[in-house]
Amino acid sequence: MRAVSENDGGECRILLSGRITIDSSPDLHALLLERLQSSSCRSLTADFGEVEYLDTSVVATLVEVLKSARTREKPFHLARLRERPHYLLEATRLLHLFDQVNSAEGSR
């Protein structure tokens, strides 16, 4: 997994690529929570547009980050979900919990 963090006027975006597995999901968890805790981050988007593969460990990570975001009253969005991430969240009946944006620019 590779992750690049961007901040545009309080709109934080994490651009993810590669494979996210049980070995890398703790790093993703830490990165997303770190960005959420930052006072310069008013909202957070995880962009999955370049993610080739993910496993079920990511589901727990995303739910925990969503819970933390709601506690902090900060929006947490998922962007550019490809087939596998979309299916995984849909199959676990959790997709409806997440706000989704369709493009890297953040349009809904």
Protein backbone atom coordinates (compact mmCIF):
# COMPACT_ATOMS: atom_id res chain seq x y z
CA MET A 1 0.00 0.00 0.00
CA ARG A 2 1.07 3.52 -0.75
CA ALA A 3 -0.62 6.60 0.65
CA VAL A 4 -0.19 10.25 -0.23
CA SER A 5 -1.74 12.89 1.98
CA GLU A 6 -3.04 16.18 0.58
CA ASN A 7 -4.60 19.15 2.35
CA ASP A 8 -6.49 21.84 0.47
CA GLY A 9 -7.87 24.46 2.84
CA GLY A 10 -8.92 21.96 5.49
CA GLU A 11 -10.15 19.37 2.99
CA CYS A 12 -7.82 16.44 3.63
CA ARG A 13 -7.46 13.64 1.11
CA ILE A 14 -5.52 10.41 1.35
CA LEU A 15 -4.74 9.00 -2.10
CA LEU A 16 -4.34 5.24 -1.76
CA SER A 17 -2.78 2.81 -4.20
CA GLY A 18 -1.61 -0.77 -4.40
CA ARG A 19 -2.85 -3.57 -2.16
CA ILE A 20 -4.36 -3.10 1.28
CA THR A 21 -4.23 -6.25 3.40
CA ILE A 22 -4.16 -7.26 7.02
CA ASP A 23 -0.45 -6.37 6.98
CA SER A 24 -1.00 -2.78 5.81
CA SER A 25 -4.43 -1.93 7.24
CA PRO A 26 -2.95 -0.97 10.67
CA ASP A 27 -0.81 1.64 8.87
CA LEU A 28 -3.88 2.91 7.02
CA HIS A 29 -5.80 3.06 10.30
CA ALA A 30 -3.04 5.08 11.97
CA LEU A 31 -2.71 7.45 9.01
CA LEU A 32 -6.45 8.14 8.75
CA LEU A 33 -6.80 8.72 12.50
CA GLU A 34 -3.74 10.98 12.52
CA ARG A 35 -5.26 13.14 9.79
CA LEU A 36 -8.64 13.25 11.56
CA GLN A 37 -7.00 14.41 14.78
CA SER A 38 -5.23 17.26 13.01
CA SER A 39 -6.79 20.66 13.66
CA SER A 40 -6.00 21.62 10.05
CA CYS A 41 -8.23 18.82 8.74
CA ARG A 42 -11.94 19.76 8.70
CA SER A 43 -13.00 16.80 6.54
CA LEU A 44 -11.26 13.64 5.35
CA THR A 45 -11.57 11.67 2.13
CA ALA A 46 -9.99 8.27 1.49
CA ASP A 47 -9.50 7.91 -2.28
CA PHE A 48 -9.45 4.26 -3.39
CA GLY A 49 -9.09 5.01 -7.11
CA GLU A 50 -5.71 3.27 -7.45
CA VAL A 51 -6.28 0.41 -5.00
CA GLU A 52 -5.78 -2.90 -6.81
CA TYR A 53 -6.85 -5.20 -3.98
CA LEU A 54 -8.10 -5.08 -0.43
CA ASP A 55 -9.18 -7.66 2.08
CA THR A 56 -11.77 -7.68 4.84
CA SER A 57 -9.39 -6.13 7.37
CA VAL A 58 -10.04 -2.79 5.68
CA VAL A 59 -13.72 -2.97 6.64
CA ALA A 60 -12.92 -2.82 10.35
CA THR A 61 -10.45 0.00 9.73
CA LEU A 62 -12.99 2.09 7.84
CA VAL A 63 -15.72 1.54 10.43
CA GLU A 64 -13.39 2.59 13.25
CA VAL A 65 -12.30 5.70 11.36
CA LEU A 66 -15.94 6.56 10.58
CA LYS A 67 -16.80 6.27 14.27
CA SER A 68 -13.88 8.51 15.19
CA ALA A 69 -14.85 11.06 12.52
CA ARG A 70 -18.42 11.21 13.80
CA THR A 71 -17.17 11.66 17.37
CA ARG A 72 -15.05 14.58 16.15
CA GLU A 73 -17.95 15.88 14.02
CA LYS A 74 -15.82 15.78 10.88
CA PRO A 75 -17.07 14.39 7.57
CA PHE A 76 -15.36 11.20 6.35
CA HIS A 77 -15.82 10.31 2.68
CA LEU A 78 -14.81 7.44 0.45
CA ALA A 79 -13.86 8.35 -3.11
CA ARG A 80 -13.55 6.42 -6.34
CA LEU A 81 -14.44 3.03 -4.95
CA ARG A 82 -13.51 0.45 -7.54
CA GLU A 83 -15.36 -2.82 -7.99
CA ARG A 84 -13.70 -4.80 -5.16
CA PRO A 85 -13.94 -2.16 -2.40
CA HIS A 86 -17.50 -1.30 -3.43
CA TYR A 87 -18.55 -4.96 -3.44
CA LEU A 88 -16.88 -5.66 -0.09
CA LEU A 89 -18.69 -2.79 1.64
CA GLU A 90 -21.94 -3.67 -0.10
CA ALA A 91 -21.70 -7.37 0.84
CA THR A 92 -21.08 -6.50 4.49
CA ARG A 93 -24.08 -4.13 4.35
CA LEU A 94 -21.93 -1.21 5.47
CA LEU A 95 -21.77 0.80 2.26
CA HIS A 96 -24.77 2.92 3.24
CA LEU A 97 -22.91 4.21 6.31
CA PHE A 98 -20.31 6.02 4.23
CA ASP A 99 -20.59 9.21 2.23
CA GLN A 100 -19.15 8.64 -1.21
CA VAL A 101 -17.65 11.03 -3.70
CA ASN A 102 -17.03 9.97 -7.25
CA SER A 103 -13.95 11.81 -8.38
CA ALA A 104 -10.61 13.04 -7.12
CA GLU A 105 -12.04 16.56 -7.14
CA GLY A 106 -14.67 15.56 -4.61
CA SER A 107 -17.84 15.91 -6.64
CA ARG A 108 -20.78 13.83 -5.51
